[in-house]
Protein backbone atom coordinates (compact mmCIF):
# COMPACT_ATOMS: atom_id res chain seq x y z
CA MET A 1 10.84 51.05 23.63
CA THR A 2 12.20 51.53 20.12
CA GLU A 3 10.33 50.36 17.04
CA TYR A 4 13.02 47.72 16.52
CA GLY A 5 12.57 46.53 20.11
CA SER A 6 8.81 46.21 19.65
CA GLU A 7 9.26 44.22 16.46
CA LYS A 8 11.80 41.98 18.16
CA MET A 9 9.46 41.32 21.06
CA ALA A 10 6.56 40.56 18.70
CA GLU A 11 8.76 38.15 16.78
CA GLU A 12 9.82 36.39 19.98
CA GLU A 13 6.19 36.07 21.09
CA GLN A 14 5.26 34.66 17.68
CA ASN A 15 8.12 32.16 17.82
CA ALA A 16 7.09 31.16 21.34
CA SER A 17 3.54 30.54 20.11
CA ALA A 18 4.95 28.47 17.24
CA GLU A 19 6.93 26.36 19.73
CA LYS A 20 3.76 25.66 21.71
CA LEU A 21 2.02 24.55 18.52
CA LYS A 22 4.97 22.34 17.65
CA GLU A 23 4.86 20.72 21.10
CA LYS A 24 1.13 20.12 20.63
CA ALA A 25 1.88 18.54 17.26
CA ASN A 26 4.61 16.40 18.83
CA ASN A 27 2.14 15.05 21.36
CA TYR A 28 -0.34 14.17 18.62
CA PHE A 29 2.49 12.46 16.75
CA LYS A 30 3.41 10.41 19.80
CA ASP A 31 -0.23 9.35 20.06
CA LYS A 32 -0.12 8.35 16.37
CA ASP A 33 -2.69 10.97 15.46
CA TYR A 34 -0.77 12.07 12.40
CA GLU A 35 -3.50 14.15 10.83
CA ASN A 36 -3.65 16.47 13.84
CA ALA A 37 0.14 16.45 14.06
CA ILE A 38 0.26 17.74 10.49
CA LYS A 39 -2.37 20.35 11.30
CA TYR A 40 -0.41 21.85 14.21
CA TYR A 41 3.00 21.63 12.51
CA THR A 42 1.40 23.61 9.69
CA GLU A 43 0.09 26.23 12.10
CA ALA A 44 3.54 26.46 13.68
CA LEU A 45 5.07 27.01 10.24
CA GLU A 46 2.60 29.79 9.52
CA LEU A 47 4.00 31.62 12.54
CA ASN A 48 7.63 30.69 11.94
CA PRO A 49 8.23 29.59 8.33
CA SER A 50 12.01 29.59 8.68
CA ASN A 51 12.28 26.71 11.16
CA ALA A 52 13.83 23.62 9.54
CA ILE A 53 12.79 21.35 12.40
CA TYR A 54 9.10 22.08 11.85
CA TYR A 55 9.39 21.09 8.19
CA SER A 56 11.32 17.96 9.09
CA ASN A 57 8.77 16.94 11.70
CA ARG A 58 5.88 17.51 9.31
CA SER A 59 7.77 15.54 6.66
CA LEU A 60 7.80 12.50 8.94
CA ALA A 61 4.12 12.92 9.73
CA TYR A 62 3.43 12.99 5.98
CA LEU A 63 5.45 9.81 5.59
CA ARG A 64 3.31 8.19 8.25
CA THR A 65 0.23 8.96 6.19
CA GLU A 66 1.81 7.83 2.90
CA CYS A 67 2.00 11.37 1.55
CA TYR A 68 5.42 10.84 0.01
CA GLY A 69 5.24 13.79 -2.35
CA TYR A 70 4.47 16.21 0.47
CA ALA A 71 7.13 14.58 2.67
CA LEU A 72 9.75 15.10 -0.03
CA VAL A 73 8.85 18.77 -0.42
CA ASP A 74 9.08 19.39 3.34
CA ALA A 75 12.39 17.54 3.73
CA THR A 76 13.84 19.54 0.84
CA ARG A 77 12.61 22.81 2.38
CA ALA A 78 14.18 21.88 5.73
CA LEU A 79 17.54 21.42 3.99
CA GLU A 80 17.17 24.72 2.13
CA LEU A 81 16.81 26.38 5.52
CA ASP A 82 19.60 24.43 7.19
CA LYS A 83 21.94 22.43 4.96
CA ASN A 84 23.64 20.97 8.05
CA TYR A 85 20.44 19.41 9.42
CA ILE A 86 21.38 15.73 9.04
CA LYS A 87 17.96 14.36 9.83
CA GLY A 88 16.65 16.33 6.87
CA TYR A 89 18.83 14.24 4.57
CA TYR A 90 17.40 11.08 6.11
CA ARG A 91 13.87 12.38 5.62
CA ARG A 92 14.51 13.23 1.99
CA ALA A 93 16.23 9.90 1.33
CA THR A 94 13.29 8.03 2.86
CA SER A 95 10.83 9.99 0.75
CA ASN A 96 12.79 9.27 -2.41
CA MET A 97 13.05 5.58 -1.56
CA ALA A 98 9.28 5.41 -1.18
CA LEU A 99 8.89 7.04 -4.58
CA GLY A 100 11.34 4.64 -6.19
CA LYS A 101 13.92 7.41 -6.75
CA PHE A 102 16.84 5.33 -5.57
CA LYS A 103 19.65 7.42 -7.08
CA ALA A 104 18.36 10.56 -5.38
CA ALA A 105 18.09 8.66 -2.09
CA LEU A 106 21.64 7.36 -2.50
CA LYS A 107 22.98 10.88 -2.88
CA ASP A 108 21.50 11.90 0.49
CA TYR A 109 22.75 8.75 2.21
CA GLU A 110 26.22 9.56 0.84
CA THR A 111 25.97 12.98 2.49
CA VAL A 112 25.11 11.45 5.86
CA VAL A 113 27.98 8.94 5.66
CA ARG A 114 30.39 11.71 4.74
CA VAL A 115 29.33 13.79 7.75
CA ARG A 116 29.09 10.81 10.11
CA PRO A 117 31.68 8.28 8.89
CA ASN A 118 31.46 6.23 12.09
CA ASP A 119 27.67 5.87 12.07
CA LYS A 120 27.05 2.16 11.42
CA ASP A 121 23.36 2.67 10.69
CA ALA A 122 24.11 5.34 8.10
CA LYS A 123 26.68 3.08 6.43
CA MET A 124 24.19 0.22 6.31
CA LYS A 125 21.54 2.36 4.66
CA TYR A 126 24.03 3.68 2.15
CA GLN A 127 25.22 0.18 1.27
CA GLU A 128 21.68 -1.17 0.90
CA CYS A 129 20.59 1.72 -1.27
CA ASN A 130 23.74 1.44 -3.39
CA LYS A 131 23.00 -2.25 -3.89
CA ILE A 132 19.51 -1.43 -5.18
CA VAL A 133 20.86 1.22 -7.58
CA LYS A 134 23.39 -1.25 -9.00
CA GLN A 135 20.75 -3.95 -9.28
CA LYS A 136 18.42 -1.64 -11.21
CA ALA A 137 21.26 -0.66 -13.54
CA PHE A 138 22.04 -4.32 -14.19
CA GLU A 139 18.38 -5.08 -14.92
CA ARG A 140 18.24 -2.26 -17.44
CA ALA A 141 21.46 -3.45 -19.08
CA ILE A 142 20.17 -6.97 -19.69
CA ALA A 143 16.66 -5.94 -20.66
CA SER A 144 15.62 -6.70 -24.22
CA ASP A 145 12.64 -6.16 -26.45
CA GLU A 146 12.11 -9.90 -26.75
CA LEU A 147 9.13 -11.44 -25.08
CA LYS A 148 10.14 -12.54 -21.64
CA ARG A 149 9.99 -16.26 -21.15
CA SER A 150 7.44 -17.28 -18.55
CA VAL A 151 8.52 -19.07 -15.40
CA VAL A 152 5.81 -21.60 -16.23
CA ASP A 153 7.88 -22.77 -19.20
CA SER A 154 10.72 -23.83 -16.92
CA LEU A 155 8.60 -25.66 -14.34
CA ASP A 156 8.20 -29.41 -14.19
CA ILE A 157 5.39 -29.54 -11.67
CA GLU A 158 4.31 -33.10 -12.46
CA ASN A 159 7.67 -34.49 -11.39
CA MET A 160 7.81 -32.50 -8.14
CA THR A 161 7.62 -34.99 -5.30
CA ILE A 162 5.47 -34.53 -2.22
CA GLU A 163 7.42 -36.14 0.58
CA ASP A 164 5.84 -38.89 2.67
CA ASP A 165 6.20 -36.87 5.87
CA TYR A 166 4.19 -33.93 4.48
CA ALA A 167 0.85 -33.99 6.33
CA GLY A 168 -0.65 -30.82 4.92
CA PRO A 169 -3.42 -30.15 2.40
CA LYS A 170 -3.08 -31.38 -1.17
CA LEU A 171 -5.05 -30.53 -4.29
CA GLU A 172 -7.50 -33.25 -5.28
CA ASP A 173 -6.63 -34.48 -8.77
CA GLY A 174 -4.82 -31.19 -9.23
CA LYS A 175 -7.91 -29.15 -8.39
CA VAL A 176 -8.91 -26.80 -5.56
CA THR A 177 -11.93 -28.03 -3.57
CA LEU A 178 -13.82 -26.58 -0.60
CA LYS A 179 -12.27 -29.22 1.66
CA PHE A 180 -8.81 -28.24 0.42
CA MET A 181 -9.54 -24.57 1.16
CA LYS A 182 -10.76 -25.28 4.69
CA ASP A 183 -7.74 -27.48 5.35
CA LEU A 184 -5.44 -24.85 3.84
CA MET A 185 -6.75 -22.04 6.03
CA ALA A 186 -6.36 -24.18 9.16
CA TRP A 187 -2.86 -25.22 8.05
CA PHE A 188 -1.83 -21.63 7.48
CA LYS A 189 -3.39 -20.57 10.78
CA ASP A 190 -0.96 -22.95 12.51
CA GLN A 191 1.91 -21.23 10.65
CA LYS A 192 2.61 -24.24 8.46
CA LYS A 193 3.73 -24.08 4.84
CA LEU A 194 1.84 -25.41 1.86
CA HIS A 195 3.91 -27.83 -0.17
CA ARG A 196 5.66 -26.08 -3.03
CA LYS A 197 4.10 -28.38 -5.62
CA CYS A 198 0.61 -27.35 -4.53
CA ALA A 199 1.59 -23.68 -4.47
CA TYR A 200 2.98 -23.89 -8.01
CA GLN A 201 -0.11 -25.72 -9.21
CA MET A 202 -2.32 -22.96 -7.84
CA LEU A 203 -0.22 -20.17 -9.34
CA VAL A 204 -0.16 -21.71 -12.81
CA GLN A 205 -3.90 -22.28 -12.73
CA VAL A 206 -4.80 -18.82 -11.42
CA LYS A 207 -2.56 -17.17 -14.01
CA GLU A 208 -4.54 -18.95 -16.71
CA VAL A 209 -7.85 -17.85 -15.18
CA LEU A 210 -6.81 -14.20 -14.72
CA SER A 211 -5.21 -13.88 -18.16
CA LYS A 212 -8.59 -14.61 -19.77
CA LEU A 213 -10.31 -11.76 -17.93
CA PRO A 214 -10.76 -8.24 -19.32
CA SER A 215 -9.11 -5.24 -17.67
CA LEU A 216 -12.61 -4.07 -16.69
CA VAL A 217 -14.70 -6.90 -15.22
CA GLU A 218 -18.44 -6.32 -15.48
CA ILE A 219 -20.99 -8.23 -13.39
CA THR A 220 -24.72 -8.07 -12.74
CA LEU A 221 -26.28 -8.67 -9.34
CA LYS A 222 -29.86 -9.87 -9.32
CA GLU A 223 -32.27 -8.13 -6.95
CA THR A 224 -31.91 -10.90 -4.35
CA GLU A 225 -28.12 -11.11 -4.59
CA LYS A 226 -25.41 -9.27 -2.67
CA ILE A 227 -21.64 -8.97 -2.90
CA THR A 228 -19.06 -8.16 -0.21
CA ILE A 229 -16.36 -5.64 -1.13
CA CYS A 230 -13.14 -5.67 0.92
CA GLY A 231 -10.28 -3.20 0.75
CA ASP A 232 -6.55 -3.59 1.42
CA THR A 233 -5.55 -6.64 3.46
CA HIS A 234 -1.75 -6.17 3.34
CA GLY A 235 -0.61 -9.59 4.50
CA GLN A 236 -2.75 -9.54 7.67
CA TYR A 237 -3.83 -13.16 7.38
CA TYR A 238 -5.50 -13.51 10.75
CA ASP A 239 -7.67 -10.47 10.05
CA LEU A 240 -8.62 -12.06 6.71
CA LEU A 241 -9.74 -15.17 8.58
CA ASN A 242 -11.77 -12.91 10.86
CA ILE A 243 -13.56 -11.39 7.85
CA PHE A 244 -14.60 -14.89 6.78
CA GLU A 245 -15.64 -15.70 10.34
CA LEU A 246 -17.82 -12.59 10.55
CA ASN A 247 -19.18 -12.60 7.02
CA GLY A 248 -19.09 -16.26 6.00
CA LEU A 249 -16.80 -18.14 3.67
CA PRO A 250 -16.89 -17.25 -0.02
CA SER A 251 -19.39 -19.31 -1.99
CA ILE A 252 -21.63 -19.09 -5.02
CA THR A 253 -24.25 -17.43 -2.81
CA ASN A 254 -21.74 -15.32 -0.86
CA PRO A 255 -19.49 -13.65 -3.47
CA TYR A 256 -16.56 -11.39 -2.58
CA LEU A 257 -14.52 -8.69 -4.29
CA PHE A 258 -11.07 -7.95 -2.82
CA ASN A 259 -9.87 -4.55 -4.02
CA GLY A 260 -6.10 -4.86 -4.28
CA ASP A 261 -3.07 -4.62 -1.99
CA PHE A 262 -3.25 -8.17 -0.70
CA VAL A 263 0.46 -8.37 0.14
CA ASP A 264 3.38 -6.40 1.63
CA ARG A 265 3.88 -4.90 5.08
CA GLY A 266 2.05 -7.68 6.91
CA SER A 267 4.29 -10.73 7.31
CA PHE A 268 1.69 -13.33 6.35
CA SER A 269 1.31 -12.15 2.77
CA LEU A 270 1.85 -15.58 1.25
CA GLU A 271 -0.93 -17.00 3.37
CA VAL A 272 -3.25 -14.17 2.33
CA ILE A 273 -2.56 -14.37 -1.40
CA LEU A 274 -2.65 -18.16 -1.67
CA THR A 275 -5.96 -18.21 0.21
CA LEU A 276 -7.41 -15.56 -2.11
CA PHE A 277 -6.08 -17.32 -5.20
CA GLY A 278 -7.53 -20.58 -3.93
CA PHE A 279 -11.02 -19.10 -3.66
CA LYS A 280 -10.60 -17.55 -7.11
CA LEU A 281 -9.94 -21.03 -8.49
CA LEU A 282 -12.81 -22.54 -6.52
CA TYR A 283 -15.37 -19.87 -7.47
CA PRO A 284 -14.04 -18.10 -10.58
CA GLU A 285 -17.41 -16.45 -11.33
CA HIS A 286 -18.19 -15.44 -7.74
CA PHE A 287 -14.85 -14.40 -6.24
CA TYR A 288 -13.13 -11.33 -7.66
CA LEU A 289 -9.66 -9.83 -7.26
CA LEU A 290 -8.50 -6.43 -8.50
CA ARG A 291 -4.99 -5.13 -8.79
CA GLY A 292 -3.53 -2.73 -6.25
CA GLU A 293 -0.65 -0.34 -6.52
CA ASP A 294 1.11 -3.35 -6.32
CA THR A 295 0.96 -0.55 -2.60
CA PRO A 296 4.39 2.50 -0.76
CA ALA A 297 5.53 0.62 2.59
CA PHE A 298 4.42 1.37 6.04
CA PRO A 299 5.28 2.95 9.28
CA SER A 300 8.15 1.94 11.37
CA THR A 301 8.07 1.60 15.09
CA ASP A 302 10.40 4.20 16.52
CA SER A 303 12.79 3.42 19.31
CA GLN A 304 11.53 3.71 22.86
CA THR A 305 13.53 6.89 23.48
CA CYS A 306 12.91 8.66 20.21
CA LEU A 307 9.69 9.53 18.45
CA CYS A 308 11.51 11.42 15.72
CA VAL A 309 10.07 14.77 16.70
CA VAL A 310 12.53 15.57 19.46
CA ASP A 311 14.49 18.59 18.26
CA LYS A 312 17.93 17.50 19.43
CA CYS A 313 17.39 13.79 18.80
CA GLN A 314 20.39 12.12 17.17
CA ASP A 315 18.81 8.66 16.86
CA LEU A 316 18.84 8.22 13.09
CA LYS A 317 17.19 4.80 13.25
CA CYS A 318 13.70 6.22 13.56
CA LEU A 319 12.78 6.75 9.93
CA LEU A 320 10.03 5.04 7.99
CA CYS A 321 8.55 4.69 4.56
CA GLU A 322 5.54 3.56 2.51
CA GLY A 323 4.38 2.56 -1.04
CA ASN A 324 1.65 0.50 -3.66
CA HIS A 325 1.74 -3.42 -3.88
CA GLU A 326 1.23 -5.77 -6.68
CA THR A 327 4.32 -4.37 -8.47
CA ASP A 328 7.90 -5.65 -8.37
CA ASN A 329 9.48 -2.49 -6.89
CA MET A 330 6.97 -2.36 -4.05
CA ASN A 331 7.17 -6.10 -3.36
CA GLN A 332 10.95 -5.89 -3.27
CA MET A 333 11.03 -3.05 -0.76
CA TYR A 334 8.08 -3.85 1.48
CA GLY A 335 8.32 -7.52 2.24
CA PHE A 336 6.54 -9.80 -0.20
CA GLU A 337 9.60 -10.70 -2.26
CA GLY A 338 11.61 -11.43 0.86
CA GLU A 339 8.79 -13.50 2.31
CA VAL A 340 8.40 -15.64 -0.82
CA LYS A 341 12.16 -16.19 -1.04
CA ALA A 342 12.32 -17.11 2.66
CA LYS A 343 9.41 -19.55 2.51
CA TYR A 344 9.91 -20.82 -1.05
CA THR A 345 12.21 -19.61 -3.86
CA ALA A 346 13.12 -16.61 -6.02
CA GLN A 347 11.59 -18.49 -8.96
CA MET A 348 8.23 -18.58 -7.21
CA PHE A 349 8.37 -14.82 -6.64
CA GLN A 350 8.93 -14.34 -10.36
CA LEU A 351 5.82 -16.40 -11.03
CA PHE A 352 3.82 -14.33 -8.53
CA SER A 353 4.99 -11.23 -10.40
CA GLU A 354 3.67 -12.66 -13.66
CA VAL A 355 0.33 -13.50 -12.05
CA PHE A 356 -0.10 -10.06 -10.46
CA GLN A 357 0.25 -8.40 -13.85
CA TRP A 358 -2.89 -10.21 -15.02
CA LEU A 359 -5.11 -8.96 -12.19
CA PRO A 360 -7.98 -6.83 -13.60
CA LEU A 361 -7.83 -3.09 -12.97
CA ALA A 362 -11.48 -2.29 -12.23
CA GLN A 363 -14.92 -3.84 -11.82
CA CYS A 364 -18.34 -2.44 -12.74
CA ILE A 365 -21.42 -3.66 -10.90
CA ASN A 366 -24.84 -3.42 -12.56
CA ASN A 367 -23.52 -0.68 -14.84
CA LYS A 368 -23.80 1.72 -11.88
CA VAL A 369 -20.92 1.19 -9.43
CA LEU A 370 -17.26 1.27 -10.46
CA VAL A 371 -14.65 -0.28 -8.16
CA MET A 372 -10.90 0.35 -8.47
CA HIS A 373 -8.00 0.37 -6.05
CA GLY A 374 -6.84 3.99 -6.33
CA GLY A 375 -9.24 6.37 -7.97
CA LEU A 376 -10.07 8.61 -10.92
CA PHE A 377 -7.99 10.18 -13.61
CA SER A 378 -5.53 13.00 -14.18
CA GLU A 379 -7.56 14.18 -17.17
CA ASP A 380 -11.28 14.38 -17.94
CA GLY A 381 -12.87 12.31 -20.68
CA VAL A 382 -11.79 8.81 -19.64
CA THR A 383 -14.56 6.30 -20.35
CA LEU A 384 -15.27 2.72 -19.36
CA GLU A 385 -14.29 1.75 -22.87
CA ASP A 386 -10.88 3.34 -22.30
CA ILE A 387 -10.45 1.15 -19.20
CA ARG A 388 -11.45 -1.94 -21.16
CA LYS A 389 -8.70 -1.19 -23.69
CA ILE A 390 -5.84 -0.89 -21.17
CA ASP A 391 -3.04 -3.41 -21.70
CA ARG A 392 -2.50 -4.34 -18.08
CA ASN A 393 0.03 -7.18 -18.44
CA ARG A 394 2.99 -5.02 -17.36
CA GLN A 395 4.45 -3.08 -14.50
CA PRO A 396 2.40 0.13 -14.00
CA PRO A 397 3.55 3.20 -15.94
CA ASP A 398 4.42 6.47 -14.19
CA SER A 399 1.35 8.22 -15.58
CA GLY A 400 -1.84 7.64 -17.52
CA PRO A 401 -5.13 5.83 -16.79
CA MET A 402 -3.55 2.61 -15.49
CA CYS A 403 -1.36 4.56 -13.06
CA ASP A 404 -4.35 6.64 -11.91
CA LEU A 405 -6.57 3.60 -11.32
CA LEU A 406 -3.93 2.23 -8.96
CA TRP A 407 -2.60 5.38 -7.29
CA SER A 408 -4.87 8.45 -7.25
CA ASP A 409 -6.73 9.77 -4.19
CA PRO A 410 -9.79 11.96 -3.60
CA GLN A 411 -9.54 15.45 -2.12
CA PRO A 412 -12.29 17.61 -0.57
CA GLN A 413 -11.83 20.68 -2.82
CA ASP A 414 -12.82 20.87 -6.47
CA GLY A 415 -10.32 20.37 -9.25
CA ARG A 416 -7.13 18.35 -9.25
CA SER A 417 -3.88 18.84 -7.38
CA VAL A 418 -0.44 17.30 -7.22
CA SER A 419 -0.55 13.93 -5.49
CA LYS A 420 0.44 13.83 -1.86
CA ARG A 421 2.08 10.50 -2.73
CA GLY A 422 4.16 11.91 -5.55
CA VAL A 423 2.40 9.61 -8.05
CA SER A 424 -0.75 10.27 -10.13
CA CYS A 425 -3.04 13.03 -8.76
CA GLN A 426 -5.71 14.03 -6.26
CA PHE A 427 -9.20 14.59 -7.63
CA GLY A 428 -12.07 16.66 -6.27
CA PRO A 429 -15.86 16.25 -6.11
CA ASP A 430 -16.36 18.00 -9.45
CA VAL A 431 -14.02 15.53 -11.15
CA THR A 432 -15.98 12.66 -9.66
CA GLU A 433 -19.28 14.19 -10.71
CA ARG A 434 -18.18 14.68 -14.33
CA PHE A 435 -16.78 11.16 -14.60
CA LEU A 436 -19.94 9.57 -13.18
CA GLU A 437 -22.20 11.64 -15.41
CA GLN A 438 -20.22 10.87 -18.55
CA ASN A 439 -20.22 7.13 -17.81
CA LYS A 440 -23.78 6.94 -16.39
CA LEU A 441 -22.57 5.67 -13.02
CA GLN A 442 -23.87 6.33 -9.49
CA TYR A 443 -20.67 6.22 -7.42
CA ILE A 444 -17.17 4.74 -7.15
CA VAL A 445 -15.67 2.46 -4.49
CA ARG A 446 -11.92 2.57 -3.91
CA SER A 447 -9.41 1.56 -1.22
CA HIS A 448 -5.73 2.55 -1.03
CA GLU A 449 -5.92 4.67 2.16
CA VAL A 450 -6.06 3.86 5.85
CA LYS A 451 -9.27 5.18 7.42
CA ALA A 452 -9.80 5.39 11.17
CA GLU A 453 -13.28 3.86 10.89
CA GLY A 454 -12.32 1.41 8.14
CA TYR A 455 -14.27 3.37 5.54
CA GLU A 456 -15.08 6.92 4.49
CA VAL A 457 -17.81 8.46 2.35
CA THR A 458 -16.86 11.65 0.48
CA HIS A 459 -17.85 13.72 -2.56
CA SER A 460 -21.50 13.83 -1.49
CA GLY A 461 -21.69 10.06 -1.25
CA LYS A 462 -20.22 9.46 -4.68
CA CYS A 463 -16.72 8.38 -3.62
CA ILE A 464 -16.40 5.62 -1.02
CA THR A 465 -13.15 4.34 0.48
CA VAL A 466 -12.96 0.92 2.18
CA PHE A 467 -9.89 -0.42 4.00
CA SER A 468 -9.83 -3.94 5.49
CA ALA A 469 -6.52 -4.12 7.39
CA PRO A 470 -7.38 -3.13 10.99
CA ASN A 471 -4.61 -1.74 13.20
CA TYR A 472 -2.54 -1.42 10.06
CA CYS A 473 1.05 -2.54 10.60
CA ASP A 474 0.22 -3.19 14.25
CA GLN A 475 0.30 0.49 15.10
CA MET A 476 -2.32 2.63 13.38
CA GLY A 477 -5.23 1.68 15.65
CA ASN A 478 -7.75 1.90 12.80
CA LYS A 479 -10.80 -0.29 12.34
CA GLY A 480 -11.26 -2.45 9.28
CA ALA A 481 -14.43 -2.54 7.20
CA TYR A 482 -16.17 -4.27 4.33
CA ILE A 483 -19.19 -3.29 2.28
CA HIS A 484 -22.35 -5.17 1.31
CA LEU A 485 -23.94 -4.21 -1.99
CA ARG A 486 -27.34 -5.66 -2.87
CA GLY A 487 -28.69 -5.89 -6.38
CA SER A 488 -32.03 -4.49 -5.29
CA ASP A 489 -30.79 -0.96 -4.56
CA LEU A 490 -26.93 -0.90 -4.64
CA LYS A 491 -27.00 1.02 -1.37
CA PRO A 492 -23.71 0.40 0.48
CA GLU A 493 -23.97 -1.22 3.92
CA PHE A 494 -20.81 -0.78 6.00
CA HIS A 495 -19.59 -3.40 8.47
CA GLN A 496 -16.70 -2.61 10.79
CA PHE A 497 -14.37 -4.92 12.68
CA THR A 498 -11.28 -4.67 14.85
CA ALA A 499 -7.92 -6.41 14.69
CA VAL A 500 -7.45 -9.90 16.09
CA PRO A 501 -4.27 -11.30 17.66
CA HIS A 502 -1.66 -12.86 15.42
CA PRO A 503 1.57 -14.81 16.02
CA ASN A 504 4.57 -12.81 17.12
CA VAL A 505 5.94 -11.96 13.70
CA LYS A 506 6.21 -8.21 13.23
CA PRO A 507 5.03 -6.41 10.10
CA MET A 508 7.77 -5.83 7.53
CA ALA A 509 9.76 -8.77 8.92
CA TYR A 510 10.76 -9.77 5.39
CA ALA A 511 11.19 -6.24 4.01
CA ASN A 512 14.35 -4.74 2.61
CA SER A 513 16.49 -3.70 5.57
CA LEU A 514 16.04 -0.03 4.62
CA MET A 515 12.31 -0.38 5.21
CA GLN A 516 12.02 -2.74 8.13
CA LEU A 517 10.12 -1.63 11.18
CA GLY A 518 12.31 -0.57 14.02
CA MET A 519 15.12 0.44 11.63
CA MET A 520 13.58 3.37 9.80
């Protein structure tokens, strides 16, 4: 055999091994084990780095795990290898949508429509994306430097009439009471709507309460006291009720801290946020809420015949996307805006947006434990005083401490790296160690990421993640968790729970049509 023949045979054997790894990855993907899918797609690429399909498949797996930045890189690489690979354009458009890069997404949707002019799904996605681009351009055109008038100024709540046939809960003399909260939770559980007058009353009141808080809330637990810390709830109202069933209702003696991402994805976001706001009004000194990425959207359910990793698959409806969730862009794409408009009005969504901007960014417990939604910072030297000084009453910037608090993630290796999400950064154990030492803290608690067990302890116990939305988006199969911290030792105690049944309303039911489950 010639030298060329030997090399050719070796290459064929290597490619065959890569195909086996890809098939293994596909099986993990079908089982929704995206981390292992990524692992084996990566190994396949090490053997055959010129295969566009491998990059495209790994791009989707990254999307499933909210790694939008990595997904964008892989989709782009797939197109560099094969500019005619149409699914690559879909992947890249989805990644850009998740990152809020609507013009870039529109360009790729235009390419798909040009190649497949009779594809109705492609046309729909192009039209929806084009609508968003035009809307954003209009918003920029009418923006001014003047202070924006608050929705509150245009409300006449006192003259709103509660109809005689309304049998639901009402505020007592305009105030939230424990009886009101119990009635409200039962009312919501039966899928009934709180009267708009009561909802507006709550929003106006909670805005006033939150606006008086600092960006960094600082509390002290006595030795005999404990607090429960919950992570993302993402509109999963029935799982929120289960937390209260397992752990007791909030009270002066049973305080809670909910660490952002209350809404979006789950289709009972209004019920979640109004319940949380109600308890904030009832126990303002013992019930705490922090701001989330105001969180990228989540996984779609692929069609029965396509799991998006089949090489020759032409079903372009099996894309998905993700994002962070007390911000207008996220709420618009991932369901909360649509839900509020469907159940109430666009005006009420605007008021929610105002309220979300007043949510504190972090909380320090006993000067030793710092809680934030995302994580630590893109640069060393940030202090607690720097957090206190952040002007949070705005949409999050693209970089800086506020962005990092909402968006960053830990990584196992030292140093910092480019964010897998395409926003903020990833920080290593050494970054955590330096921050804690400089600020005389013991550890941080953050949320922001799905964890199979509902929580994860990393960085030698100094970085804890807690996530409280079990079986996230009805398909991840993860547990939920919450943490008890006691004033006596501040040692975290983890409590896990599983998802409970909910009415037959799918996640993302109110999302922008580009992001809805079953369409991406």
